[in-house]
């Protein structure tokens, strides 16, 4: 369906059913900071913008010491100065750099007890016919391969030092549905990995979970938190705010969620529930 046809179809729905065309906003409730993350030493990959940045702000407000990573050092410097946190440049495709990265992060944080695998990329291909080998590899290397091998290094560190720890992946609701593009496939793989690793590591006191958000305001999705949040395909007809996801992430990396491991927590108001009347 062309963009013009989509606009016409949407306009007809507005006329017939009164679906609002603009000024879709969100009424969000946040819990007040209570230092629930005091003593936490947290790495956030892709922490310079979007959900990663929102988590960094929230974690710091809760008393955590945070280190953000990314490929754009200029952005990392600006954000680290703004938040008063640590930063290290990290390319999730370059797995050979992970060993030295962890050594540097250990020094800066004086220990690591939490890793948030947030870095991700989507090329938004129109269909499977538009997928290239380069684009396929870029998305799998960043979203899945990089996250796995960084987690492997962290787990090796925890085992060597006999530490407990917490690992959180930012997945996507697309991982809970079938897809014809690499982004969705990477997230389905992440969800499987999270459950497999969590089952193996829980006896050692290491919790591993994932958050699977619906479409959230970010540079990657194109939705702006200070703009119109309307999204027709969402069950609540809007995109989510990064701060909403950060609120859930704060609970999952805190000790208050100590009984939760191996879970894929969908933050999409049931948008992917396969109801028979859907």
C-alpha atoms as a PDB file:
ATOM      1  CA  UNK A   1       0.000   0.000   0.000  1.00  0.00           C
ATOM      2  CA  UNK A   2       1.425   3.377  -1.002  1.00  0.00           C
ATOM      3  CA  UNK A   3       1.813   6.167   1.526  1.00  0.00           C
ATOM      4  CA  UNK A   4      -0.997   8.111  -0.204  1.00  0.00           C
ATOM      5  CA  UNK A   5      -3.412   5.176   0.084  1.00  0.00           C
ATOM      6  CA  UNK A   6      -2.528   4.753   3.752  1.00  0.00           C
ATOM      7  CA  UNK A   7      -3.323   8.410   4.419  1.00  0.00           C
ATOM      8  CA  UNK A   8      -6.675   8.113   2.620  1.00  0.00           C
ATOM      9  CA  UNK A   9      -7.573   4.918   4.514  1.00  0.00           C
ATOM     10  CA  UNK A  10      -6.641   6.524   7.828  1.00  0.00           C
ATOM     11  CA  UNK A  11      -8.656   9.651   7.038  1.00  0.00           C
ATOM     12  CA  UNK A  12     -11.766   7.557   6.331  1.00  0.00           C
ATOM     13  CA  UNK A  13     -11.408   5.890   9.735  1.00  0.00           C
ATOM     14  CA  UNK A  14     -11.181   9.286  11.392  1.00  0.00           C
ATOM     15  CA  UNK A  15     -14.430  10.390   9.753  1.00  0.00           C
ATOM     16  CA  UNK A  16     -16.341   7.153  10.423  1.00  0.00           C
ATOM     17  CA  UNK A  17     -15.105   6.305  13.896  1.00  0.00           C
ATOM     18  CA  UNK A  18     -13.890   9.558  15.285  1.00  0.00           C
ATOM     19  CA  UNK A  19     -10.309   8.361  15.864  1.00  0.00           C
ATOM     20  CA  UNK A  20      -8.307  11.452  16.852  1.00  0.00           C
ATOM     21  CA  UNK A  21      -5.766  12.688  14.339  1.00  0.00           C
ATOM     22  CA  UNK A  22      -3.509  14.681  16.625  1.00  0.00           C
ATOM     23  CA  UNK A  23      -2.672  15.760  20.145  1.00  0.00           C
ATOM     24  CA  UNK A  24      -2.231  12.185  21.353  1.00  0.00           C
ATOM     25  CA  UNK A  25      -0.406  12.510  24.648  1.00  0.00           C
ATOM     26  CA  UNK A  26       0.479  10.242  27.554  1.00  0.00           C
ATOM     27  CA  UNK A  27      -0.474  10.522  31.198  1.00  0.00           C
ATOM     28  CA  UNK A  28       2.397   8.850  33.023  1.00  0.00           C
ATOM     29  CA  UNK A  29       2.941   8.225  36.722  1.00  0.00           C
ATOM     30  CA  UNK A  30       6.490   7.819  38.024  1.00  0.00           C
ATOM     31  CA  UNK A  31       7.566   6.566  41.422  1.00  0.00           C
ATOM     32  CA  UNK A  32       9.676   9.035  43.428  1.00  0.00           C
ATOM     33  CA  UNK A  33      13.397   8.216  43.750  1.00  0.00           C
ATOM     34  CA  UNK A  34      14.233   6.295  46.920  1.00  0.00           C
ATOM     35  CA  UNK A  35      17.872   5.295  46.279  1.00  0.00           C
ATOM     36  CA  UNK A  36      16.722   1.777  45.455  1.00  0.00           C
ATOM     37  CA  UNK A  37      19.824   1.342  43.254  1.00  0.00           C
ATOM     38  CA  UNK A  38      22.375   2.572  45.770  1.00  0.00           C
ATOM     39  CA  UNK A  39      25.521   0.473  45.458  1.00  0.00           C
ATOM     40  CA  UNK A  40      24.721  -0.653  41.915  1.00  0.00           C
ATOM     41  CA  UNK A  41      27.495  -0.309  39.326  1.00  0.00           C
ATOM     42  CA  UNK A  42      25.734  -0.398  35.964  1.00  0.00           C
ATOM     43  CA  UNK A  43      26.906  -0.474  32.343  1.00  0.00           C
ATOM     44  CA  UNK A  44      24.324   0.661  29.763  1.00  0.00           C
ATOM     45  CA  UNK A  45      25.201  -0.025  26.126  1.00  0.00           C
ATOM     46  CA  UNK A  46      23.748   2.527  23.740  1.00  0.00           C
ATOM     47  CA  UNK A  47      23.331   4.842  26.720  1.00  0.00           C
ATOM     48  CA  UNK A  48      23.768   8.129  24.921  1.00  0.00           C
ATOM     49  CA  UNK A  49      20.219   8.495  23.634  1.00  0.00           C
ATOM     50  CA  UNK A  50      16.702   7.041  23.576  1.00  0.00           C
ATOM     51  CA  UNK A  51      15.804   4.363  26.087  1.00  0.00           C
ATOM     52  CA  UNK A  52      19.452   3.998  27.110  1.00  0.00           C
ATOM     53  CA  UNK A  53      19.694   7.656  28.102  1.00  0.00           C
ATOM     54  CA  UNK A  54      16.370   7.537  29.941  1.00  0.00           C
ATOM     55  CA  UNK A  55      17.585   4.533  31.929  1.00  0.00           C
ATOM     56  CA  UNK A  56      20.871   6.252  32.747  1.00  0.00           C
ATOM     57  CA  UNK A  57      19.038   9.286  34.130  1.00  0.00           C
ATOM     58  CA  UNK A  58      16.658   7.161  36.155  1.00  0.00           C
ATOM     59  CA  UNK A  59      19.344   4.828  37.530  1.00  0.00           C
ATOM     60  CA  UNK A  60      21.498   7.750  38.632  1.00  0.00           C
ATOM     61  CA  UNK A  61      18.499   9.379  40.322  1.00  0.00           C
ATOM     62  CA  UNK A  62      18.086   6.114  42.250  1.00  0.00           C
ATOM     63  CA  UNK A  63      21.667   6.202  43.520  1.00  0.00           C
ATOM     64  CA  UNK A  64      23.458   3.992  40.983  1.00  0.00           C
ATOM     65  CA  UNK A  65      26.887   4.631  39.521  1.00  0.00           C
ATOM     66  CA  UNK A  66      26.488   4.414  35.743  1.00  0.00           C
ATOM     67  CA  UNK A  67      28.741   3.973  32.729  1.00  0.00           C
ATOM     68  CA  UNK A  68      27.237   4.608  29.290  1.00  0.00           C
ATOM     69  CA  UNK A  69      28.617   3.331  25.993  1.00  0.00           C
ATOM     70  CA  UNK A  70      28.102   3.996  22.309  1.00  0.00           C
ATOM     71  CA  UNK A  71      29.901   4.590  19.033  1.00  0.00           C
ATOM     72  CA  UNK A  72      29.526   8.389  18.978  1.00  0.00           C
ATOM     73  CA  UNK A  73      32.108   9.701  21.443  1.00  0.00           C
ATOM     74  CA  UNK A  74      30.975  13.314  21.070  1.00  0.00           C
ATOM     75  CA  UNK A  75      27.469  12.387  22.231  1.00  0.00           C
ATOM     76  CA  UNK A  76      28.856  10.269  25.061  1.00  0.00           C
ATOM     77  CA  UNK A  77      30.997  13.143  26.335  1.00  0.00           C
ATOM     78  CA  UNK A  78      28.039  15.531  26.291  1.00  0.00           C
ATOM     79  CA  UNK A  79      25.735  13.074  28.062  1.00  0.00           C
ATOM     80  CA  UNK A  80      28.318  12.028  30.651  1.00  0.00           C
ATOM     81  CA  UNK A  81      28.922  15.680  31.568  1.00  0.00           C
ATOM     82  CA  UNK A  82      25.192  16.308  31.716  1.00  0.00           C
ATOM     83  CA  UNK A  83      24.525  13.271  33.934  1.00  0.00           C
ATOM     84  CA  UNK A  84      27.825  13.218  35.835  1.00  0.00           C
ATOM     85  CA  UNK A  85      28.459   9.599  34.882  1.00  0.00           C
ATOM     86  CA  UNK A  86      31.230   7.566  33.247  1.00  0.00           C
ATOM     87  CA  UNK A  87      31.476   6.742  29.556  1.00  0.00           C
ATOM     88  CA  UNK A  88      33.484   4.511  27.252  1.00  0.00           C
ATOM     89  CA  UNK A  89      33.288   4.302  23.491  1.00  0.00           C
ATOM     90  CA  UNK A  90      32.166   0.831  22.386  1.00  0.00           C
ATOM     91  CA  UNK A  91      31.198  -0.649  19.018  1.00  0.00           C
ATOM     92  CA  UNK A  92      28.979  -3.694  19.587  1.00  0.00           C
ATOM     93  CA  UNK A  93      30.219  -5.204  16.310  1.00  0.00           C
ATOM     94  CA  UNK A  94      33.811  -5.220  17.541  1.00  0.00           C
ATOM     95  CA  UNK A  95      33.733  -8.193  19.916  1.00  0.00           C
ATOM     96  CA  UNK A  96      37.540  -8.282  20.036  1.00  0.00           C
ATOM     97  CA  UNK A  97      37.439  -5.042  22.048  1.00  0.00           C
ATOM     98  CA  UNK A  98      35.183  -6.430  24.778  1.00  0.00           C
ATOM     99  CA  UNK A  99      37.934  -7.803  26.995  1.00  0.00           C
ATOM    100  CA  UNK A 100      39.759  -4.485  27.268  1.00  0.00           C
ATOM    101  CA  UNK A 101      36.465  -2.637  27.574  1.00  0.00           C
ATOM    102  CA  UNK A 102      35.460  -4.655  30.636  1.00  0.00           C
ATOM    103  CA  UNK A 103      38.830  -4.089  32.278  1.00  0.00           C
ATOM    104  CA  UNK A 104      38.444  -0.319  31.813  1.00  0.00           C
ATOM    105  CA  UNK A 105      34.834  -0.394  33.003  1.00  0.00           C
ATOM    106  CA  UNK A 106      35.820  -2.390  36.096  1.00  0.00           C
ATOM    107  CA  UNK A 107      38.351   0.293  36.972  1.00  0.00           C
ATOM    108  CA  UNK A 108      36.006   3.228  36.374  1.00  0.00           C
ATOM    109  CA  UNK A 109      33.124   1.696  38.316  1.00  0.00           C
ATOM    110  CA  UNK A 110      35.271  -0.076  40.887  1.00  0.00           C
ATOM    111  CA  UNK A 111      33.379  -3.260  40.035  1.00  0.00           C
ATOM    112  CA  UNK A 112      30.452  -4.166  37.768  1.00  0.00           C
ATOM    113  CA  UNK A 113      27.308  -5.759  39.156  1.00  0.00           C
ATOM    114  CA  UNK A 114      24.832  -4.977  36.404  1.00  0.00           C
ATOM    115  CA  UNK A 115      24.889  -4.923  32.596  1.00  0.00           C
ATOM    116  CA  UNK A 116      22.062  -3.480  30.514  1.00  0.00           C
ATOM    117  CA  UNK A 117      22.266  -4.611  26.888  1.00  0.00           C
ATOM    118  CA  UNK A 118      20.353  -1.804  25.223  1.00  0.00           C
ATOM    119  CA  UNK A 119      22.319  -0.998  22.042  1.00  0.00           C
ATOM    120  CA  UNK A 120      20.369  -1.880  18.930  1.00  0.00           C
ATOM    121  CA  UNK A 121      19.673  -0.940  15.347  1.00  0.00           C
ATOM    122  CA  UNK A 122      16.849  -1.396  12.852  1.00  0.00           C
ATOM    123  CA  UNK A 123      17.152  -0.668   9.135  1.00  0.00           C
ATOM    124  CA  UNK A 124      13.353  -0.690   8.682  1.00  0.00           C
ATOM    125  CA  UNK A 125      13.400  -2.668   5.435  1.00  0.00           C
ATOM    126  CA  UNK A 126      10.049  -2.586   3.663  1.00  0.00           C
ATOM    127  CA  UNK A 127      10.005  -6.379   3.240  1.00  0.00           C
ATOM    128  CA  UNK A 128      12.281  -9.418   2.984  1.00  0.00           C
ATOM    129  CA  UNK A 129      12.940  -8.483  -0.655  1.00  0.00           C
ATOM    130  CA  UNK A 130      14.839  -5.390   0.491  1.00  0.00           C
ATOM    131  CA  UNK A 131      17.210  -7.198   2.874  1.00  0.00           C
ATOM    132  CA  UNK A 132      20.903  -7.103   1.979  1.00  0.00           C
ATOM    133  CA  UNK A 133      23.676  -9.263   3.413  1.00  0.00           C
ATOM    134  CA  UNK A 134      25.340  -6.125   4.780  1.00  0.00           C
ATOM    135  CA  UNK A 135      22.155  -4.975   6.492  1.00  0.00           C
ATOM    136  CA  UNK A 136      21.427  -8.472   7.784  1.00  0.00           C
ATOM    137  CA  UNK A 137      24.888  -8.781   9.341  1.00  0.00           C
ATOM    138  CA  UNK A 138      24.802  -5.261  10.814  1.00  0.00           C
ATOM    139  CA  UNK A 139      21.552  -5.907  12.666  1.00  0.00           C
ATOM    140  CA  UNK A 140      22.469  -9.385  13.908  1.00  0.00           C
ATOM    141  CA  UNK A 141      25.969  -8.320  14.931  1.00  0.00           C
ATOM    142  CA  UNK A 142      24.705  -5.327  16.889  1.00  0.00           C
ATOM    143  CA  UNK A 143      21.438  -6.606  18.342  1.00  0.00           C
ATOM    144  CA  UNK A 144      22.299 -10.226  19.078  1.00  0.00           C
ATOM    145  CA  UNK A 145      25.918 -11.264  18.533  1.00  0.00           C
ATOM    146  CA  UNK A 146      27.402  -8.264  20.322  1.00  0.00           C
ATOM    147  CA  UNK A 147      25.007  -8.501  23.240  1.00  0.00           C
ATOM    148  CA  UNK A 148      25.706 -12.196  23.652  1.00  0.00           C
ATOM    149  CA  UNK A 149      29.492 -11.950  23.648  1.00  0.00           C
ATOM    150  CA  UNK A 150      29.535  -8.938  25.967  1.00  0.00           C
ATOM    151  CA  UNK A 151      27.285 -10.897  28.327  1.00  0.00           C
ATOM    152  CA  UNK A 152      29.607 -13.889  28.031  1.00  0.00           C
ATOM    153  CA  UNK A 153      32.553 -11.742  29.136  1.00  0.00           C
ATOM    154  CA  UNK A 154      30.602 -10.324  32.079  1.00  0.00           C
ATOM    155  CA  UNK A 155      29.480 -13.798  33.145  1.00  0.00           C
ATOM    156  CA  UNK A 156      33.060 -15.040  32.986  1.00  0.00           C
ATOM    157  CA  UNK A 157      34.034 -12.167  35.277  1.00  0.00           C
ATOM    158  CA  UNK A 158      31.240 -12.952  37.730  1.00  0.00           C
ATOM    159  CA  UNK A 159      32.188 -16.635  37.802  1.00  0.00           C
ATOM    160  CA  UNK A 160      35.879 -15.920  38.283  1.00  0.00           C
ATOM    161  CA  UNK A 161      35.216 -13.537  41.161  1.00  0.00           C
ATOM    162  CA  UNK A 162      32.320 -15.613  42.526  1.00  0.00           C
ATOM    163  CA  UNK A 163      30.013 -12.592  42.205  1.00  0.00           C
ATOM    164  CA  UNK A 164      26.266 -12.330  41.949  1.00  0.00           C
ATOM    165  CA  UNK A 165      24.912  -9.963  39.322  1.00  0.00           C
ATOM    166  CA  UNK A 166      22.082  -8.750  37.157  1.00  0.00           C
ATOM    167  CA  UNK A 167      21.833  -8.600  33.359  1.00  0.00           C
ATOM    168  CA  UNK A 168      18.994  -6.900  31.511  1.00  0.00           C
ATOM    169  CA  UNK A 169      18.355  -6.941  27.760  1.00  0.00           C
ATOM    170  CA  UNK A 170      16.180  -4.415  25.951  1.00  0.00           C
ATOM    171  CA  UNK A 171      14.365  -6.549  23.426  1.00  0.00           C
ATOM    172  CA  UNK A 172      11.196  -5.616  21.494  1.00  0.00           C
ATOM    173  CA  UNK A 173       7.603  -6.673  21.113  1.00  0.00           C
ATOM    174  CA  UNK A 174       8.612  -7.818  17.609  1.00  0.00           C
ATOM    175  CA  UNK A 175      10.450 -10.697  19.268  1.00  0.00           C
ATOM    176  CA  UNK A 176       7.086 -12.100  20.360  1.00  0.00           C
ATOM    177  CA  UNK A 177       5.612 -12.192  16.852  1.00  0.00           C
ATOM    178  CA  UNK A 178       6.577 -13.619  13.487  1.00  0.00           C
ATOM    179  CA  UNK A 179       8.557 -11.271  11.283  1.00  0.00           C
ATOM    180  CA  UNK A 180       9.975 -11.089   7.772  1.00  0.00           C
ATOM    181  CA  UNK A 181      12.881  -8.783   8.617  1.00  0.00           C
ATOM    182  CA  UNK A 182      16.174  -9.153  10.511  1.00  0.00           C
ATOM    183  CA  UNK A 183      15.277  -6.774  13.340  1.00  0.00           C
ATOM    184  CA  UNK A 184      12.430  -8.974  14.526  1.00  0.00           C
ATOM    185  CA  UNK A 185      14.533 -12.110  14.122  1.00  0.00           C
ATOM    186  CA  UNK A 186      17.302 -10.644  16.277  1.00  0.00           C
ATOM    187  CA  UNK A 187      14.839  -9.861  19.052  1.00  0.00           C
ATOM    188  CA  UNK A 188      13.292 -13.341  18.930  1.00  0.00           C
ATOM    189  CA  UNK A 189      16.813 -14.745  19.283  1.00  0.00           C
ATOM    190  CA  UNK A 190      17.501 -12.405  22.212  1.00  0.00           C
ATOM    191  CA  UNK A 191      14.355 -13.592  23.999  1.00  0.00           C
ATOM    192  CA  UNK A 192      15.363 -17.239  23.613  1.00  0.00           C
ATOM    193  CA  UNK A 193      18.904 -16.484  24.787  1.00  0.00           C
ATOM    194  CA  UNK A 194      17.698 -14.609  27.865  1.00  0.00           C
ATOM    195  CA  UNK A 195      15.609 -17.533  29.058  1.00  0.00           C
ATOM    196  CA  UNK A 196      18.317 -20.091  28.324  1.00  0.00           C
ATOM    197  CA  UNK A 197      21.060 -18.166  30.104  1.00  0.00           C
ATOM    198  CA  UNK A 198      18.812 -17.241  33.020  1.00  0.00           C
ATOM    199  CA  UNK A 199      17.946 -20.869  33.720  1.00  0.00           C
ATOM    200  CA  UNK A 200      21.639 -21.740  33.726  1.00  0.00           C
ATOM    201  CA  UNK A 201      22.872 -18.790  35.806  1.00  0.00           C
ATOM    202  CA  UNK A 202      20.161 -18.398  38.464  1.00  0.00           C
ATOM    203  CA  UNK A 203      21.703 -21.045  40.772  1.00  0.00           C
ATOM    204  CA  UNK A 204      24.829 -18.849  40.844  1.00  0.00           C
ATOM    205  CA  UNK A 205      22.838 -15.805  41.956  1.00  0.00           C
ATOM    206  CA  UNK A 206      22.883 -14.125  38.554  1.00  0.00           C
ATOM    207  CA  UNK A 207      19.553 -12.848  37.258  1.00  0.00           C
ATOM    208  CA  UNK A 208      18.918 -12.271  33.539  1.00  0.00           C
ATOM    209  CA  UNK A 209      15.737 -10.695  32.147  1.00  0.00           C
ATOM    210  CA  UNK A 210      14.513  -8.692  29.174  1.00  0.00           C
ATOM    211  CA  UNK A 211      12.117  -5.835  28.585  1.00  0.00           C
ATOM    212  CA  UNK A 212      10.241  -5.974  25.276  1.00  0.00           C
ATOM    213  CA  UNK A 213       8.775  -2.498  24.656  1.00  0.00           C
ATOM    214  CA  UNK A 214       6.221  -1.501  22.107  1.00  0.00           C
ATOM    215  CA  UNK A 215       7.245   1.224  19.649  1.00  0.00           C
ATOM    216  CA  UNK A 216       8.974   3.863  21.767  1.00  0.00           C
ATOM    217  CA  UNK A 217       9.986   7.448  21.020  1.00  0.00           C
ATOM    218  CA  UNK A 218      13.581   7.487  19.788  1.00  0.00           C
ATOM    219  CA  UNK A 219      15.719   8.425  16.809  1.00  0.00           C
ATOM    220  CA  UNK A 220      15.364   4.845  15.575  1.00  0.00           C
ATOM    221  CA  UNK A 221      11.545   4.871  15.472  1.00  0.00           C
ATOM    222  CA  UNK A 222      11.132   8.501  14.460  1.00  0.00           C
ATOM    223  CA  UNK A 223       8.578   9.272  17.182  1.00  0.00           C
ATOM    224  CA  UNK A 224       9.367  12.340  19.293  1.00  0.00           C
ATOM    225  CA  UNK A 225       8.491  12.525  22.973  1.00  0.00           C
ATOM    226  CA  UNK A 226       7.569  16.196  22.591  1.00  0.00           C
ATOM    227  CA  UNK A 227       5.433  15.576  19.499  1.00  0.00           C
ATOM    228  CA  UNK A 228       2.282  13.763  18.495  1.00  0.00           C
ATOM    229  CA  UNK A 229       2.419  10.219  19.914  1.00  0.00           C
ATOM    230  CA  UNK A 230      -0.421   8.869  17.767  1.00  0.00           C
ATOM    231  CA  UNK A 231       0.254   5.399  16.367  1.00  0.00           C
ATOM    232  CA  UNK A 232      -2.611   3.604  14.666  1.00  0.00           C
ATOM    233  CA  UNK A 233      -1.253   0.055  15.086  1.00  0.00           C
ATOM    234  CA  UNK A 234      -0.871   0.365  18.854  1.00  0.00           C
ATOM    235  CA  UNK A 235      -3.603  -1.015  21.080  1.00  0.00           C
ATOM    236  CA  UNK A 236      -3.618   2.277  23.003  1.00  0.00           C
ATOM    237  CA  UNK A 237      -3.074   4.322  19.834  1.00  0.00           C
ATOM    238  CA  UNK A 238       0.190   5.912  20.872  1.00  0.00           C
ATOM    239  CA  UNK A 239       3.927   5.373  20.998  1.00  0.00           C
ATOM    240  CA  UNK A 240       5.567   4.886  24.382  1.00  0.00           C
ATOM    241  CA  UNK A 241       7.952   7.227  26.132  1.00  0.00           C
ATOM    242  CA  UNK A 242      11.493   6.136  26.931  1.00  0.00           C
ATOM    243  CA  UNK A 243      10.910   7.190  30.543  1.00  0.00           C
ATOM    244  CA  UNK A 244       8.137   4.607  30.839  1.00  0.00           C
ATOM    245  CA  UNK A 245      10.545   1.831  29.885  1.00  0.00           C
ATOM    246  CA  UNK A 246      13.199   3.232  32.231  1.00  0.00           C
ATOM    247  CA  UNK A 247      10.744   2.994  35.114  1.00  0.00           C
ATOM    248  CA  UNK A 248      10.273  -0.731  34.507  1.00  0.00           C
ATOM    249  CA  UNK A 249      14.010  -1.244  33.980  1.00  0.00           C
ATOM    250  CA  UNK A 250      14.723   0.389  37.338  1.00  0.00           C
ATOM    251  CA  UNK A 251      12.586  -2.198  39.093  1.00  0.00           C
ATOM    252  CA  UNK A 252      14.191  -5.100  37.226  1.00  0.00           C
ATOM    253  CA  UNK A 253      17.769  -4.085  38.058  1.00  0.00           C
ATOM    254  CA  UNK A 254      16.872  -3.407  41.681  1.00  0.00           C
ATOM    255  CA  UNK A 255      16.938  -5.970  44.460  1.00  0.00           C
ATOM    256  CA  UNK A 256      13.168  -5.537  44.786  1.00  0.00           C
ATOM    257  CA  UNK A 257      12.770  -7.833  41.753  1.00  0.00           C
ATOM    258  CA  UNK A 258      14.962 -10.542  43.265  1.00  0.00           C
ATOM    259  CA  UNK A 259      12.434 -13.297  42.521  1.00  0.00           C
ATOM    260  CA  UNK A 260      12.296 -12.478  38.791  1.00  0.00           C
ATOM    261  CA  UNK A 261      14.652 -14.137  36.301  1.00  0.00           C
ATOM    262  CA  UNK A 262      14.337 -15.497  32.787  1.00  0.00           C
ATOM    263  CA  UNK A 263      11.354 -13.274  32.032  1.00  0.00           C
ATOM    264  CA  UNK A 264      10.538 -11.306  28.881  1.00  0.00           C
ATOM    265  CA  UNK A 265       8.479  -8.423  30.230  1.00  0.00           C
ATOM    266  CA  UNK A 266       6.340  -6.993  27.464  1.00  0.00           C
ATOM    267  CA  UNK A 267       5.685  -3.274  27.888  1.00  0.00           C
ATOM    268  CA  UNK A 268       3.005  -2.797  25.246  1.00  0.00           C
ATOM    269  CA  UNK A 269      -0.362  -3.020  27.017  1.00  0.00           C
ATOM    270  CA  UNK A 270      -1.032  -6.452  25.547  1.00  0.00           C
ATOM    271  CA  UNK A 271      -0.570  -5.272  21.956  1.00  0.00           C
ATOM    272  CA  UNK A 272       0.857  -8.632  20.841  1.00  0.00           C
ATOM    273  CA  UNK A 273      -1.701 -10.850  22.590  1.00  0.00           C
ATOM    274  CA  UNK A 274      -3.060 -13.259  19.971  1.00  0.00           C
ATOM    275  CA  UNK A 275      -6.733 -12.846  20.802  1.00  0.00           C
ATOM    276  CA  UNK A 276      -9.076 -14.823  18.539  1.00  0.00           C
ATOM    277  CA  UNK A 277     -11.272 -11.768  17.948  1.00  0.00           C
ATOM    278  CA  UNK A 278      -8.323  -9.566  17.026  1.00  0.00           C
END
